[in-house]
Amino acid sequence: MTSFWEQTAEISGFESLNGSIKTDVLIIGGGMAGILCAYMLHQAGVPYVLAEAQTVCSGITKNTTAKITSQHGLIYDKLVNKFGAERAKQYYNANEEALKMYRRLCTDIDCDFETKDAYVYSLDDRKKLEKELRALERIGAKAEFCANPGLPFNTAGAVKFPNQAQFHPLKFAAAVCRGLNIYEHTAIRELKGLTAVTDNGTITAQKIIAATHFPFLNKHGSYYLKLYQHRSYVIALENAPDIGGMYVDEAPKGMSFRNYKNLLFIGGGDHRTGKKGGAWQELREFSKKYYPNAVEKYSWATQDCMTLDGLPYIGRYSASTENLYVASGFNKWGMTSSMAAARLLCDMVQGRKNDYQELFSPSRNILRPQLAVNAFEAAVGLLTPSTKRCPHLGCALKWNKYEHTWDCSCHGSRFTQEGRLIDNPAAGDLKE
């Protein structure tokens, strides 16, 4: 399974670490968040090293649908109710600033950057849309109601965010990576204080940023309770119409749409990792019904870290880890969240105050309903009999018949049929 992005872009390779080095900041993880952290530190003249276990953008970034938008489903009404209007406005501003930064950077990068309107639609609940619009008006966000979003099925309307964007993420990453201090095939096996141990040397830093998708240290931060992972699927259709914008259903298991040149991307089939879901079959049935003349050209899947309250965890890894930082839990909105994370963390490691530090703090209150769900799934996973168990915390693995992988419903680690690690937080392959 290879995404469209992988097949249409190439990122220059980097050497692996051989020996022991020192630096001011170590960034662990070469996805979009890690790359942007490295880029910003490079621009600021701060000594840094980025260590990637495999190759740059070989994890979640290569499987994104690459929407750059402040519209993250019907989130703003929820944020106003949970945190108040000021916090909701902060979240909107952080993502708008991220969008502006991409727009500025992409002026000089050939990455098919396009300004597009973003829509969140509802099949049957206009009241939800109206509540979201009231929340957006309250925080001063630019949004409007759209009665006919232009999809091939009936809706109750949509909330429209004008002048958002989309791009080719790997073309962008390839340009940003040039000249950065990156080591590939350099897995961090252990942290001894602020010294990272690899197979062929050590990296000693004054500060460390963990941008590894799911945080890899269990003894700090309780991320095994605060996060779970979610699978979603994409097909790319040829001979399908240009729908003119980027669309996402407000329902958790709804579908998303956006075009790229002559292709229409349809996303959906979602399910918690290790659980059952519609996968590509659901998308193909939809395509056959609404786009009978279209031809499927590509298909792939991705995995997202989901937080308890819908906000990413960006900041100090835990209250007790002064010089260790994290970026995780982007809740399916990895592009703007990666940029927001890079801006915030680069300020923090340089000792500068950032307006969004408290909003995204990983140490904020975790007493949310999803916490009970996560705890229940972990208990079930630990108690379920199985011949294959995840090396992360010992949960039972489930066979994913669509992707032919062994998946963990507790925390989302995934393995090939032969037992090779695909997705963290597990740190190694299955043992015989």
Protein backbone atom coordinates (compact mmCIF):
# COMPACT_ATOMS: atom_id res chain seq x y z
CA MET A 1 0.00 0.00 0.00
CA THR A 2 1.65 3.17 -1.26
CA SER A 3 0.00 6.56 -1.12
CA PHE A 4 -0.37 8.84 -4.10
CA TRP A 5 2.04 11.29 -2.49
CA GLU A 6 4.81 8.68 -2.22
CA GLN A 7 4.47 7.82 -5.88
CA THR A 8 4.69 11.41 -7.09
CA ALA A 9 7.49 12.94 -5.01
CA GLU A 10 11.01 12.08 -3.94
CA ILE A 11 12.86 13.28 -0.86
CA SER A 12 16.65 13.19 -0.90
CA GLY A 13 18.16 10.69 1.52
CA PHE A 14 20.27 11.51 4.57
CA GLU A 15 23.11 9.64 6.25
CA SER A 16 22.66 7.62 9.44
CA LEU A 17 24.45 8.57 12.65
CA ASN A 18 27.82 6.94 13.17
CA GLY A 19 29.49 8.08 16.37
CA SER A 20 28.54 10.31 19.28
CA ILE A 21 27.63 13.99 18.96
CA LYS A 22 26.35 16.90 21.05
CA THR A 23 23.80 19.56 20.15
CA ASP A 24 21.49 22.12 21.74
CA VAL A 25 18.21 20.53 20.59
CA LEU A 26 17.49 16.95 19.54
CA ILE A 27 14.31 16.38 17.52
CA ILE A 28 13.13 12.77 17.48
CA GLY A 29 10.89 12.00 14.50
CA GLY A 30 11.06 13.07 10.86
CA GLY A 31 7.39 13.65 10.06
CA MET A 32 5.95 17.05 9.23
CA ALA A 33 6.08 18.30 12.83
CA GLY A 34 9.70 17.26 13.32
CA ILE A 35 10.80 18.67 9.96
CA LEU A 36 9.16 22.03 10.66
CA CYS A 37 10.80 22.17 14.11
CA ALA A 38 14.17 21.55 12.47
CA TYR A 39 13.50 24.15 9.79
CA MET A 40 12.55 26.85 12.28
CA LEU A 41 15.50 26.16 14.57
CA HIS A 42 17.77 26.20 11.52
CA GLN A 43 16.37 29.59 10.53
CA ALA A 44 16.90 30.87 14.08
CA GLY A 45 20.53 29.71 14.17
CA VAL A 46 19.93 27.23 17.02
CA PRO A 47 22.14 24.09 16.85
CA TYR A 48 19.91 21.02 16.42
CA VAL A 49 19.83 17.45 15.16
CA LEU A 50 16.83 15.54 13.82
CA ALA A 51 16.92 11.75 14.21
CA GLU A 52 14.50 9.61 12.22
CA ALA A 53 14.21 5.84 12.76
CA GLN A 54 13.46 5.14 9.09
CA THR A 55 13.34 7.84 6.42
CA VAL A 56 11.90 11.35 6.43
CA CYS A 57 8.09 11.38 6.04
CA SER A 58 7.90 7.59 5.91
CA GLY A 59 5.32 7.42 8.69
CA ILE A 60 1.99 9.21 8.98
CA THR A 61 2.89 12.29 6.90
CA LYS A 62 3.02 10.35 3.64
CA ASN A 63 -0.60 9.22 4.14
CA THR A 64 -2.28 12.54 4.88
CA THR A 65 -4.97 14.08 2.67
CA ALA A 66 -3.02 17.33 3.11
CA LYS A 67 -5.74 19.82 3.90
CA ILE A 68 -4.41 23.02 5.47
CA THR A 69 -7.33 24.50 7.31
CA SER A 70 -8.62 25.99 10.57
CA GLN A 71 -11.87 24.12 9.98
CA HIS A 72 -11.53 20.95 12.06
CA GLY A 73 -15.04 19.57 12.00
CA LEU A 74 -17.62 21.10 14.35
CA ILE A 75 -15.02 21.79 17.02
CA TYR A 76 -15.56 25.43 17.93
CA ASP A 77 -18.95 25.05 19.61
CA LYS A 78 -17.44 22.23 21.68
CA LEU A 79 -14.39 24.33 22.59
CA VAL A 80 -16.54 27.28 23.64
CA ASN A 81 -18.60 25.01 25.90
CA LYS A 82 -15.58 23.17 27.35
CA PHE A 83 -13.03 25.95 27.69
CA GLY A 84 -14.77 29.26 27.00
CA ALA A 85 -14.73 31.63 24.05
CA GLU A 86 -11.22 32.94 24.70
CA ARG A 87 -9.61 29.48 24.49
CA ALA A 88 -11.66 28.63 21.41
CA LYS A 89 -10.46 31.85 19.78
CA GLN A 90 -6.88 30.95 20.65
CA TYR A 91 -7.27 27.60 18.90
CA TYR A 92 -8.67 29.31 15.82
CA ASN A 93 -5.87 31.90 15.82
CA ALA A 94 -3.15 29.24 16.22
CA ASN A 95 -4.42 27.41 13.15
CA GLU A 96 -4.95 30.57 11.12
CA GLU A 97 -1.35 31.56 11.86
CA ALA A 98 -0.24 28.09 10.77
CA LEU A 99 -2.14 28.51 7.50
CA LYS A 100 -0.49 31.90 6.92
CA MET A 101 2.95 30.39 7.54
CA TYR A 102 2.33 27.64 4.99
CA ARG A 103 1.08 30.24 2.53
CA ARG A 104 4.25 32.30 2.99
CA LEU A 105 6.62 29.32 2.72
CA CYS A 106 4.84 27.87 -0.30
CA THR A 107 5.35 31.09 -2.25
CA ASP A 108 8.87 29.84 -3.01
CA ILE A 109 8.15 26.09 -3.04
CA ASP A 110 6.71 24.14 -5.98
CA CYS A 111 4.27 21.97 -4.00
CA ASP A 112 0.96 22.54 -5.83
CA PHE A 113 -0.29 24.87 -3.11
CA GLU A 114 -3.88 25.96 -3.83
CA THR A 115 -6.29 28.21 -2.00
CA LYS A 116 -9.55 26.32 -1.42
CA ASP A 117 -12.65 26.82 0.66
CA ALA A 118 -13.19 24.25 3.41
CA TYR A 119 -16.63 22.89 4.35
CA VAL A 120 -17.97 20.79 7.18
CA TYR A 121 -21.34 19.38 6.18
CA SER A 122 -24.12 17.52 7.94
CA LEU A 123 -26.38 14.98 6.31
CA ASP A 124 -29.40 15.72 8.47
CA ASP A 125 -28.72 18.12 11.36
CA ARG A 126 -28.82 21.79 10.44
CA LYS A 127 -29.08 22.76 14.13
CA LYS A 128 -25.51 21.50 14.72
CA LEU A 129 -24.28 23.72 11.90
CA GLU A 130 -26.15 26.72 13.26
CA LYS A 131 -24.64 26.19 16.73
CA GLU A 132 -21.17 26.03 15.19
CA LEU A 133 -21.77 29.24 13.27
CA ARG A 134 -22.88 31.02 16.44
CA ALA A 135 -19.72 29.87 18.19
CA LEU A 136 -17.58 31.02 15.25
CA GLU A 137 -19.29 34.40 15.21
CA ARG A 138 -18.65 34.71 18.94
CA ILE A 139 -14.89 34.22 18.51
CA GLY A 140 -14.67 36.45 15.41
CA ALA A 141 -13.88 33.66 12.95
CA LYS A 142 -14.50 34.00 9.22
CA ALA A 143 -17.20 31.46 8.35
CA GLU A 144 -20.59 31.33 6.67
CA PHE A 145 -23.49 28.97 6.04
CA CYS A 146 -23.68 27.17 2.70
CA ALA A 147 -27.09 25.70 1.85
CA ASN A 148 -25.91 23.67 -1.16
CA PRO A 149 -22.31 22.47 -0.73
CA GLY A 150 -22.19 20.82 -4.17
CA LEU A 151 -21.89 17.19 -3.14
CA PRO A 152 -23.62 14.36 -5.04
CA PHE A 153 -26.03 13.62 -2.17
CA ASN A 154 -28.47 15.62 -0.09
CA THR A 155 -27.23 17.47 2.99
CA ALA A 156 -28.60 19.82 5.60
CA GLY A 157 -26.01 22.36 4.50
CA ALA A 158 -22.45 23.13 5.52
CA VAL A 159 -20.28 25.57 7.44
CA LYS A 160 -17.87 27.20 4.99
CA PHE A 161 -14.40 28.48 5.86
CA PRO A 162 -13.20 30.61 2.93
CA ASN A 163 -9.61 30.84 1.68
CA GLN A 164 -8.12 27.74 3.25
CA ALA A 165 -5.59 25.61 1.36
CA GLN A 166 -4.29 22.26 0.16
CA PHE A 167 -0.93 21.11 -1.22
CA HIS A 168 1.34 18.18 -2.03
CA PRO A 169 2.86 17.40 1.40
CA LEU A 170 5.90 15.47 0.24
CA LYS A 171 6.89 18.03 -2.40
CA PHE A 172 6.71 20.61 0.38
CA ALA A 173 8.69 18.43 2.80
CA ALA A 174 11.35 17.68 0.18
CA ALA A 175 12.00 21.40 -0.27
CA VAL A 176 11.96 22.22 3.44
CA CYS A 177 14.37 19.38 4.27
CA ARG A 178 17.15 20.60 2.01
CA GLY A 179 20.19 21.59 4.02
CA LEU A 180 18.79 20.49 7.38
CA ASN A 181 20.84 18.50 9.90
CA ILE A 182 19.01 15.18 9.63
CA TYR A 183 20.05 11.60 10.35
CA GLU A 184 17.92 8.82 8.87
CA HIS A 185 17.91 5.15 9.92
CA THR A 186 18.83 6.40 13.37
CA ALA A 187 16.37 4.93 15.82
CA ILE A 188 16.47 6.17 19.39
CA ARG A 189 16.61 3.02 21.50
CA GLU A 190 16.78 4.65 24.92
CA LEU A 191 16.95 8.02 26.64
CA LYS A 192 19.45 8.31 29.48
CA GLY A 193 18.60 11.72 30.83
CA LEU A 194 19.24 14.02 27.87
CA THR A 195 21.41 11.51 26.01
CA ALA A 196 19.73 9.51 23.28
CA VAL A 197 21.20 6.07 22.59
CA THR A 198 21.16 4.77 19.00
CA ASP A 199 22.60 1.60 17.47
CA ASN A 200 25.73 3.40 16.31
CA GLY A 201 26.29 6.23 18.74
CA THR A 202 24.72 8.74 21.10
CA ILE A 203 23.23 12.23 20.80
CA THR A 204 23.56 14.43 23.87
CA ALA A 205 21.35 17.51 23.88
CA GLN A 206 20.32 20.30 26.21
CA LYS A 207 16.68 19.89 25.17
CA ILE A 208 14.75 17.13 23.38
CA ILE A 209 11.58 17.33 21.27
CA ALA A 210 9.65 14.07 20.80
CA ALA A 211 7.72 14.32 17.52
CA THR A 212 7.17 10.57 17.11
CA HIS A 213 3.41 10.56 16.48
CA PHE A 214 2.60 8.54 19.64
CA PRO A 215 4.95 9.52 22.52
CA PHE A 216 7.39 6.72 23.22
CA LEU A 217 8.17 7.18 26.95
CA ASN A 218 5.61 5.43 29.15
CA LYS A 219 7.01 6.56 32.50
CA HIS A 220 6.17 10.22 31.90
CA GLY A 221 3.00 12.00 30.88
CA SER A 222 0.52 9.05 30.98
CA TYR A 223 0.05 9.21 27.20
CA TYR A 224 -1.07 5.57 27.20
CA LEU A 225 -4.20 6.89 28.98
CA LYS A 226 -4.49 10.24 27.20
CA LEU A 227 -4.31 9.01 23.59
CA TYR A 228 -5.81 6.38 21.35
CA GLN A 229 -5.33 5.79 17.62
CA HIS A 230 -7.74 5.78 14.73
CA ARG A 231 -7.51 4.26 11.24
CA SER A 232 -8.98 5.98 8.20
CA TYR A 233 -8.85 5.11 4.50
CA VAL A 234 -8.49 6.95 1.20
CA ILE A 235 -9.21 6.15 -2.42
CA ALA A 236 -8.24 8.37 -5.36
CA LEU A 237 -10.61 8.39 -8.32
CA GLU A 238 -9.97 9.35 -11.90
CA ASN A 239 -12.85 10.52 -14.12
CA ALA A 240 -14.68 12.04 -11.16
CA PRO A 241 -15.85 15.69 -10.97
CA ASP A 242 -14.01 18.64 -9.49
CA ILE A 243 -16.03 19.46 -6.36
CA GLY A 244 -14.38 22.85 -5.94
CA GLY A 245 -13.44 22.69 -2.26
CA MET A 246 -12.45 20.50 0.67
CA TYR A 247 -15.28 18.72 2.50
CA VAL A 248 -15.61 16.76 5.72
CA ASP A 249 -18.68 15.25 7.37
CA GLU A 250 -19.47 16.40 10.90
CA ALA A 251 -20.31 12.80 11.83
CA PRO A 252 -17.35 10.84 13.28
CA LYS A 253 -17.66 8.09 10.65
CA GLY A 254 -18.59 10.33 7.74
CA MET A 255 -16.59 10.94 4.57
CA SER A 256 -14.22 13.63 3.38
CA PHE A 257 -13.59 14.87 -0.15
CA ARG A 258 -11.07 16.96 -2.01
CA ASN A 259 -9.56 17.13 -5.48
CA TYR A 260 -5.94 17.09 -6.57
CA LYS A 261 -5.52 17.92 -10.25
CA ASN A 262 -7.48 15.22 -12.12
CA LEU A 263 -8.13 13.06 -9.05
CA LEU A 264 -10.86 13.05 -6.42
CA PHE A 265 -9.76 11.87 -2.98
CA ILE A 266 -12.45 10.25 -0.82
CA GLY A 267 -11.65 9.48 2.81
CA GLY A 268 -13.62 7.47 5.35
CA GLY A 269 -14.19 3.92 6.59
CA ASP A 270 -12.90 5.04 9.98
CA HIS A 271 -12.49 2.88 13.06
CA ARG A 272 -10.46 2.72 16.23
CA THR A 273 -7.22 0.84 15.53
CA GLY A 274 -7.73 -2.82 16.37
CA LYS A 275 -11.52 -2.57 15.91
CA LYS A 276 -13.79 -3.27 12.93
CA GLY A 277 -14.68 -0.62 10.38
CA GLY A 278 -15.75 -0.02 6.81
CA ALA A 279 -12.24 0.49 5.43
CA TRP A 280 -11.85 0.68 1.64
CA GLN A 281 -14.94 -1.43 1.03
CA GLU A 282 -17.15 1.37 2.34
CA LEU A 283 -15.44 3.90 0.08
CA ARG A 284 -15.69 1.67 -2.97
CA GLU A 285 -19.39 1.07 -2.44
CA PHE A 286 -19.90 4.83 -2.11
CA SER A 287 -17.88 5.47 -5.27
CA LYS A 288 -19.84 2.90 -7.24
CA LYS A 289 -23.12 4.55 -6.20
CA TYR A 290 -22.27 8.22 -6.73
CA TYR A 291 -19.41 8.12 -9.25
CA PRO A 292 -20.20 5.07 -11.41
CA ASN A 293 -17.92 6.17 -14.24
CA ALA A 294 -14.91 6.83 -12.03
CA VAL A 295 -11.84 4.59 -11.92
CA GLU A 296 -9.90 3.94 -8.72
CA LYS A 297 -6.21 4.77 -9.26
CA TYR A 298 -4.79 4.75 -5.72
CA SER A 299 -5.73 3.57 -2.25
CA TRP A 300 -4.03 3.93 1.12
CA ALA A 301 -4.71 4.32 4.83
CA THR A 302 -3.50 6.46 7.68
CA GLN A 303 -3.49 6.53 11.45
CA ASP A 304 -4.24 9.44 13.75
CA CYS A 305 -3.57 10.02 17.45
CA MET A 306 -6.71 11.23 19.18
CA THR A 307 -6.71 13.21 22.44
CA LEU A 308 -9.24 13.28 25.25
CA ASP A 309 -10.58 16.77 24.54
CA GLY A 310 -9.90 17.38 20.84
CA LEU A 311 -6.83 19.59 21.37
CA PRO A 312 -3.28 18.47 20.55
CA TYR A 313 -0.67 17.86 23.25
CA ILE A 314 2.16 20.32 22.56
CA GLY A 315 4.65 21.45 25.17
CA ARG A 316 6.58 19.93 28.07
CA TYR A 317 6.35 16.15 27.95
CA SER A 318 5.21 16.19 31.57
CA ALA A 319 5.37 18.52 34.55
CA SER A 320 8.47 16.64 35.79
CA THR A 321 10.45 16.71 32.50
CA GLU A 322 11.85 20.22 32.30
CA ASN A 323 13.88 19.83 29.11
CA LEU A 324 11.79 17.22 27.29
CA TYR A 325 8.98 18.33 24.96
CA VAL A 326 6.30 16.62 22.89
CA ALA A 327 4.02 17.15 19.91
CA SER A 328 1.23 14.60 19.54
CA GLY A 329 -2.52 14.06 19.26
CA PHE A 330 -3.31 16.03 16.13
CA ASN A 331 -6.83 14.54 15.86
CA LYS A 332 -6.75 14.09 12.04
CA TRP A 333 -5.59 17.67 11.41
CA GLY A 334 -1.88 17.06 11.15
CA MET A 335 -0.88 19.79 8.72
CA THR A 336 -1.93 22.91 10.63
CA SER A 337 -1.24 21.17 13.95
CA SER A 338 2.33 20.37 12.86
CA MET A 339 2.99 24.00 12.01
CA ALA A 340 1.38 25.23 15.23
CA ALA A 341 3.46 22.70 17.18
CA ALA A 342 6.72 23.73 15.52
CA ARG A 343 6.10 27.42 16.22
CA LEU A 344 5.24 26.75 19.87
CA LEU A 345 8.06 24.28 20.60
CA CYS A 346 10.72 26.39 18.92
CA ASP A 347 9.72 29.26 21.18
CA MET A 348 9.79 27.04 24.26
CA VAL A 349 13.21 25.52 23.64
CA GLN A 350 14.59 29.03 23.17
CA GLY A 351 13.05 30.20 26.43
CA ARG A 352 10.50 32.46 24.75
CA LYS A 353 6.92 32.78 25.94
CA ASN A 354 4.23 31.68 23.49
CA ASP A 355 0.58 32.71 23.68
CA TYR A 356 -0.60 29.14 23.06
CA GLN A 357 1.53 27.42 25.67
CA GLU A 358 -1.27 26.92 28.20
CA LEU A 359 -3.89 26.01 25.59
CA PHE A 360 -1.93 23.03 24.27
CA SER A 361 -0.20 22.01 27.52
CA PRO A 362 0.03 18.21 27.77
CA SER A 363 -0.35 18.55 31.56
CA ARG A 364 -3.88 19.96 31.36
CA ASN A 365 -6.79 18.18 33.06
CA ILE A 366 -7.42 14.70 31.62
CA LEU A 367 -10.74 14.03 33.39
CA ARG A 368 -12.78 13.66 30.20
CA PRO A 369 -15.34 11.01 29.19
CA GLN A 370 -12.92 9.54 26.63
CA LEU A 371 -10.55 8.67 29.48
CA ALA A 372 -12.99 6.01 30.72
CA VAL A 373 -13.29 4.60 27.19
CA ASN A 374 -9.51 4.42 26.83
CA ALA A 375 -9.14 2.73 30.22
CA PHE A 376 -11.86 0.20 29.32
CA GLU A 377 -10.25 -0.66 25.97
CA ALA A 378 -6.89 -1.10 27.67
CA ALA A 379 -8.42 -3.43 30.26
CA VAL A 380 -10.14 -5.49 27.57
CA GLY A 381 -6.93 -5.66 25.54
CA LEU A 382 -4.92 -6.83 28.54
CA LEU A 383 -7.45 -9.48 29.57
CA THR A 384 -8.28 -10.84 26.10
CA PRO A 385 -6.57 -14.20 25.42
CA SER A 386 -4.33 -14.05 22.38
CA THR A 387 -1.30 -15.80 20.96
CA LYS A 388 0.05 -12.45 19.77
CA ARG A 389 0.53 -9.60 22.21
CA CYS A 390 1.82 -6.08 21.74
CA PRO A 391 5.32 -5.52 23.18
CA HIS A 392 4.32 -1.99 24.23
CA LEU A 393 2.17 -2.88 27.27
CA GLY A 394 1.08 -6.44 26.54
CA CYS A 395 -2.38 -5.94 25.00
CA ALA A 396 -3.89 -8.56 22.68
CA LEU A 397 -3.40 -7.96 18.96
CA LYS A 398 -6.25 -8.21 16.45
CA TRP A 399 -5.94 -9.30 12.83
CA ASN A 400 -6.84 -6.55 10.34
CA LYS A 401 -8.18 -8.44 7.35
CA TYR A 402 -8.23 -5.37 5.11
CA GLU A 403 -4.59 -4.41 5.59
CA HIS A 404 -3.22 -7.84 6.63
CA THR A 405 -1.68 -6.47 9.80
CA TRP A 406 -1.73 -7.20 13.53
CA ASP A 407 -3.23 -4.16 15.30
CA CYS A 408 -3.44 -3.16 18.97
CA SER A 409 -6.76 -1.65 20.07
CA CYS A 410 -5.24 -0.30 23.32
CA HIS A 411 -2.73 2.18 21.91
CA GLY A 412 -2.56 1.58 18.16
CA SER A 413 0.72 -0.22 17.55
CA ARG A 414 0.66 -2.16 14.29
CA PHE A 415 2.73 -5.01 12.87
CA THR A 416 3.09 -6.82 9.54
CA GLN A 417 1.88 -10.37 9.15
CA GLU A 418 5.48 -11.45 9.84
CA GLY A 419 5.64 -9.34 13.02
CA ARG A 420 7.66 -6.31 11.88
CA LEU A 421 6.74 -3.03 13.55
CA ILE A 422 4.76 -0.57 11.41
CA ASP A 423 3.36 2.01 13.84
CA ASN A 424 4.39 2.99 17.36
CA PRO A 425 4.15 3.29 20.42
CA ALA A 426 5.69 -0.19 20.41
CA ALA A 427 9.45 0.14 20.03
CA GLY A 428 10.27 -3.16 18.35
CA ASP A 429 9.07 -6.16 16.37
CA LEU A 430 6.96 -9.00 17.70
CA LYS A 431 8.91 -11.72 19.41
CA GLU A 432 8.45 -15.35 18.43
